[in-house]
Amino acid sequence: MKTARLLALLGLLLTLVPAGLFALGLLAEGPMKLALLGGTILWFAAAPRWLGDTGD
């Protein structure tokens, strides 16, 4: 489940970093929204697999 963990963390970064860049004026609204959408979809697809992993 290392892949799920990596994808979930990537999705989380895609929901946090673009918002910060937008707040600093380094990213326009359109690309920010697209990155947030992609990150949200990736997070909700990968996080349940990562967090549901019992380590067996």
N, C-alpha and C. Protein backbone atom coordinates (compact mmCIF):
# COMPACT_ATOMS: atom_id res chain seq x y z
N MET A 1 0.80 -1.20 0.00
CA MET A 1 0.00 0.00 0.00
C MET A 1 0.85 1.27 0.00
N LYS A 2 2.13 1.12 -0.30
CA LYS A 2 2.99 2.31 -0.37
C LYS A 2 2.56 3.22 -1.51
N THR A 3 2.04 2.64 -2.58
CA THR A 3 1.57 3.45 -3.70
C THR A 3 0.37 4.29 -3.28
N ALA A 4 -0.55 3.69 -2.54
CA ALA A 4 -1.73 4.43 -2.08
C ALA A 4 -1.31 5.57 -1.16
N ARG A 5 -0.33 5.32 -0.32
CA ARG A 5 0.16 6.37 0.59
C ARG A 5 0.76 7.52 -0.21
N LEU A 6 1.58 7.19 -1.18
CA LEU A 6 2.22 8.21 -2.00
C LEU A 6 1.18 9.03 -2.76
N LEU A 7 0.20 8.35 -3.36
CA LEU A 7 -0.84 9.06 -4.10
C LEU A 7 -1.71 9.92 -3.19
N ALA A 8 -2.00 9.42 -2.00
CA ALA A 8 -2.80 10.20 -1.06
C ALA A 8 -2.06 11.46 -0.62
N LEU A 9 -0.79 11.33 -0.34
CA LEU A 9 0.00 12.50 0.06
C LEU A 9 0.16 13.49 -1.09
N LEU A 10 0.29 12.99 -2.30
CA LEU A 10 0.34 13.86 -3.47
C LEU A 10 -0.99 14.61 -3.63
N GLY A 11 -2.10 13.91 -3.44
CA GLY A 11 -3.40 14.56 -3.51
C GLY A 11 -3.56 15.62 -2.44
N LEU A 12 -3.07 15.35 -1.25
CA LEU A 12 -3.13 16.33 -0.17
C LEU A 12 -2.30 17.57 -0.51
N LEU A 13 -1.13 17.35 -1.06
CA LEU A 13 -0.30 18.49 -1.48
C LEU A 13 -0.97 19.30 -2.58
N LEU A 14 -1.67 18.61 -3.47
CA LEU A 14 -2.37 19.31 -4.55
C LEU A 14 -3.58 20.10 -4.05
N THR A 15 -4.01 19.86 -2.85
CA THR A 15 -5.09 20.66 -2.29
C THR A 15 -4.57 21.79 -1.41
N LEU A 16 -3.34 21.71 -0.97
CA LEU A 16 -2.79 22.74 -0.09
C LEU A 16 -1.90 23.75 -0.82
N VAL A 17 -0.98 23.26 -1.63
CA VAL A 17 0.01 24.13 -2.26
C VAL A 17 -0.63 25.16 -3.22
N PRO A 18 -1.54 24.75 -4.11
CA PRO A 18 -2.11 25.75 -5.02
C PRO A 18 -2.88 26.86 -4.29
N ALA A 19 -3.52 26.54 -3.19
CA ALA A 19 -4.23 27.57 -2.43
C ALA A 19 -3.24 28.59 -1.87
N GLY A 20 -2.12 28.11 -1.38
CA GLY A 20 -1.08 29.01 -0.87
C GLY A 20 -0.49 29.87 -1.97
N LEU A 21 -0.24 29.25 -3.12
CA LEU A 21 0.30 30.01 -4.25
C LEU A 21 -0.69 31.06 -4.74
N PHE A 22 -1.97 30.73 -4.72
CA PHE A 22 -2.99 31.70 -5.11
C PHE A 22 -3.05 32.86 -4.12
N ALA A 23 -2.94 32.55 -2.84
CA ALA A 23 -2.97 33.59 -1.81
C ALA A 23 -1.78 34.53 -1.95
N LEU A 24 -0.65 34.01 -2.41
CA LEU A 24 0.54 34.84 -2.61
C LEU A 24 0.53 35.57 -3.94
N GLY A 25 -0.48 35.27 -4.78
CA GLY A 25 -0.57 35.92 -6.08
C GLY A 25 0.31 35.29 -7.14
N LEU A 26 0.78 34.08 -6.90
CA LEU A 26 1.67 33.40 -7.84
C LEU A 26 0.94 32.45 -8.78
N LEU A 27 -0.35 32.25 -8.57
CA LEU A 27 -1.13 31.32 -9.38
C LEU A 27 -2.50 31.93 -9.64
N ALA A 28 -2.94 31.85 -10.88
CA ALA A 28 -4.25 32.39 -11.24
C ALA A 28 -5.37 31.50 -10.72
N GLU A 29 -6.58 32.02 -10.73
CA GLU A 29 -7.72 31.30 -10.17
C GLU A 29 -8.06 30.03 -10.94
N GLY A 30 -8.03 30.08 -12.26
CA GLY A 30 -8.38 28.91 -13.06
C GLY A 30 -7.49 27.70 -12.81
N PRO A 31 -6.18 27.88 -12.95
CA PRO A 31 -5.28 26.75 -12.67
C PRO A 31 -5.35 26.27 -11.22
N MET A 32 -5.59 27.20 -10.29
CA MET A 32 -5.71 26.80 -8.89
C MET A 32 -6.91 25.88 -8.70
N LYS A 33 -8.04 26.26 -9.28
CA LYS A 33 -9.25 25.45 -9.14
C LYS A 33 -9.06 24.07 -9.78
N LEU A 34 -8.38 24.03 -10.90
CA LEU A 34 -8.14 22.75 -11.57
C LEU A 34 -7.24 21.86 -10.72
N ALA A 35 -6.20 22.44 -10.13
CA ALA A 35 -5.30 21.66 -9.26
C ALA A 35 -6.04 21.18 -8.01
N LEU A 36 -6.89 22.04 -7.43
CA LEU A 36 -7.65 21.64 -6.26
C LEU A 36 -8.62 20.50 -6.58
N LEU A 37 -9.25 20.57 -7.73
CA LEU A 37 -10.16 19.50 -8.14
C LEU A 37 -9.40 18.18 -8.31
N GLY A 38 -8.28 18.24 -9.01
CA GLY A 38 -7.46 17.03 -9.21
C GLY A 38 -6.96 16.47 -7.89
N GLY A 39 -6.51 17.33 -7.01
CA GLY A 39 -6.02 16.89 -5.71
C GLY A 39 -7.11 16.27 -4.86
N THR A 40 -8.29 16.86 -4.91
CA THR A 40 -9.42 16.33 -4.14
C THR A 40 -9.82 14.95 -4.63
N ILE A 41 -9.90 14.80 -5.93
CA ILE A 41 -10.26 13.49 -6.50
C ILE A 41 -9.20 12.45 -6.15
N LEU A 42 -7.93 12.84 -6.29
CA LEU A 42 -6.84 11.92 -5.96
C LEU A 42 -6.86 11.55 -4.49
N TRP A 43 -7.09 12.51 -3.62
CA TRP A 43 -7.12 12.26 -2.17
C TRP A 43 -8.24 11.27 -1.83
N PHE A 44 -9.45 11.54 -2.31
CA PHE A 44 -10.57 10.67 -1.96
C PHE A 44 -10.50 9.30 -2.63
N ALA A 45 -9.71 9.17 -3.68
CA ALA A 45 -9.52 7.86 -4.29
C ALA A 45 -8.45 7.05 -3.55
N ALA A 46 -7.41 7.70 -3.08
CA ALA A 46 -6.26 6.98 -2.51
C ALA A 46 -6.28 6.89 -0.99
N ALA A 47 -6.78 7.90 -0.31
CA ALA A 47 -6.70 7.93 1.15
C ALA A 47 -7.43 6.76 1.83
N PRO A 48 -8.62 6.37 1.39
CA PRO A 48 -9.26 5.23 2.06
C PRO A 48 -8.45 3.94 1.97
N ARG A 49 -7.76 3.76 0.85
CA ARG A 49 -6.92 2.56 0.70
C ARG A 49 -5.71 2.63 1.62
N TRP A 50 -5.15 3.84 1.76
CA TRP A 50 -3.98 4.01 2.63
C TRP A 50 -4.37 3.90 4.09
N LEU A 51 -5.41 4.60 4.50
CA LEU A 51 -5.80 4.62 5.90
C LEU A 51 -6.47 3.33 6.34
N GLY A 52 -7.03 2.60 5.38
CA GLY A 52 -7.66 1.32 5.71
C GLY A 52 -6.68 0.17 5.75
N ASP A 53 -5.44 0.42 5.41
CA ASP A 53 -4.40 -0.61 5.40
C ASP A 53 -4.04 -0.99 6.83
N THR A 54 -4.11 -2.26 7.16
CA THR A 54 -3.80 -2.73 8.51
C THR A 54 -2.33 -3.11 8.64
N GLY A 55 -1.59 -3.07 7.54
CA GLY A 55 -0.17 -3.41 7.58
C GLY A 55 0.11 -4.91 7.49
N ASP A 56 -0.89 -5.70 7.18
CA ASP A 56 -0.70 -7.16 7.07
C ASP A 56 0.00 -7.55 5.80
